[in-house]
């Protein structure tokens, strides 16, 4: 089963929606709070070139924003 990494901030509505989606669909995920973790924030910007959250990484796919269809496709659902 694939796992996800989510770069998020505590106040981000779309980040919460993505985490709710993962929980509802029993997808294991690791969350990085880029509001307080400078190293992970730099890592996220290096991957995407921007500061928008959420950034979701599943396998070799990087998804910017909460795109349920893209997340489901990356998970093979």
Protein backbone atom coordinates (compact mmCIF):
# COMPACT_ATOMS: atom_id res chain seq x y z
CA UNK A 1 0.00 0.00 0.00
CA UNK A 2 1.28 3.43 -0.93
CA UNK A 3 1.92 6.05 1.72
CA UNK A 4 1.78 9.81 1.34
CA UNK A 5 3.80 12.78 2.53
CA UNK A 6 1.92 16.02 3.06
CA UNK A 7 3.58 19.40 3.53
CA UNK A 8 1.03 21.54 5.31
CA UNK A 9 0.29 24.36 7.73
CA UNK A 10 -2.05 24.20 10.74
CA UNK A 11 -4.45 26.83 9.35
CA UNK A 12 -4.75 25.45 5.80
CA UNK A 13 -8.31 24.33 4.97
CA UNK A 14 -7.18 22.28 1.96
CA UNK A 15 -4.49 20.57 4.05
CA UNK A 16 -7.18 19.49 6.51
CA UNK A 17 -9.34 18.24 3.63
CA UNK A 18 -6.41 16.19 2.29
CA UNK A 19 -5.68 14.67 5.73
CA UNK A 20 -9.39 13.89 6.18
CA UNK A 21 -9.33 12.17 2.77
CA UNK A 22 -6.28 10.09 3.79
CA UNK A 23 -7.88 9.10 7.10
CA UNK A 24 -11.22 8.22 5.49
CA UNK A 25 -9.47 6.07 2.87
CA UNK A 26 -7.01 4.52 5.35
CA UNK A 27 -3.94 5.98 3.63
CA UNK A 28 -0.88 6.19 5.89
CA UNK A 29 0.74 9.60 5.71
CA UNK A 30 3.57 11.63 7.17
CA UNK A 31 2.81 15.28 7.81
CA UNK A 32 5.39 18.06 7.79
CA UNK A 33 4.34 21.42 9.23
CA UNK A 34 6.12 23.88 6.95
CA UNK A 35 4.99 26.81 9.10
CA UNK A 36 7.42 25.73 11.82
CA UNK A 37 9.88 23.39 10.06
CA UNK A 38 12.26 25.48 7.94
CA UNK A 39 14.13 22.48 6.54
CA UNK A 40 10.91 20.86 5.29
CA UNK A 41 9.68 24.22 3.93
CA UNK A 42 12.89 24.53 1.88
CA UNK A 43 12.49 20.91 0.73
CA UNK A 44 8.92 21.67 -0.40
CA UNK A 45 9.97 24.81 -2.29
CA UNK A 46 12.84 22.91 -3.94
CA UNK A 47 10.32 20.27 -5.15
CA UNK A 48 7.65 22.67 -6.41
CA UNK A 49 9.18 26.12 -6.78
CA UNK A 50 6.43 27.70 -4.68
CA UNK A 51 5.07 28.07 -1.15
CA UNK A 52 1.45 26.96 -1.67
CA UNK A 53 0.18 24.14 0.54
CA UNK A 54 -0.73 21.38 0.65
CA UNK A 55 2.01 19.67 -1.31
CA UNK A 56 1.38 15.94 -1.41
CA UNK A 57 3.95 13.37 -2.50
CA UNK A 58 2.81 9.84 -3.32
CA UNK A 59 5.46 7.63 -4.89
CA UNK A 60 7.01 9.65 -7.72
CA UNK A 61 3.97 11.97 -8.03
CA UNK A 62 3.91 15.46 -6.52
CA UNK A 63 0.50 17.09 -6.24
CA UNK A 64 0.12 20.76 -5.37
CA UNK A 65 -3.19 21.55 -3.71
CA UNK A 66 -6.00 19.21 -2.74
CA UNK A 67 -6.88 17.45 -6.00
CA UNK A 68 -8.89 14.38 -5.01
CA UNK A 69 -8.76 12.89 -8.51
CA UNK A 70 -4.98 13.25 -8.77
CA UNK A 71 -4.53 11.81 -5.27
CA UNK A 72 -6.75 8.82 -6.07
CA UNK A 73 -4.85 8.24 -9.34
CA UNK A 74 -1.48 8.42 -7.55
CA UNK A 75 -2.75 5.92 -4.98
CA UNK A 76 -3.95 3.62 -7.77
CA UNK A 77 -7.61 3.86 -6.72
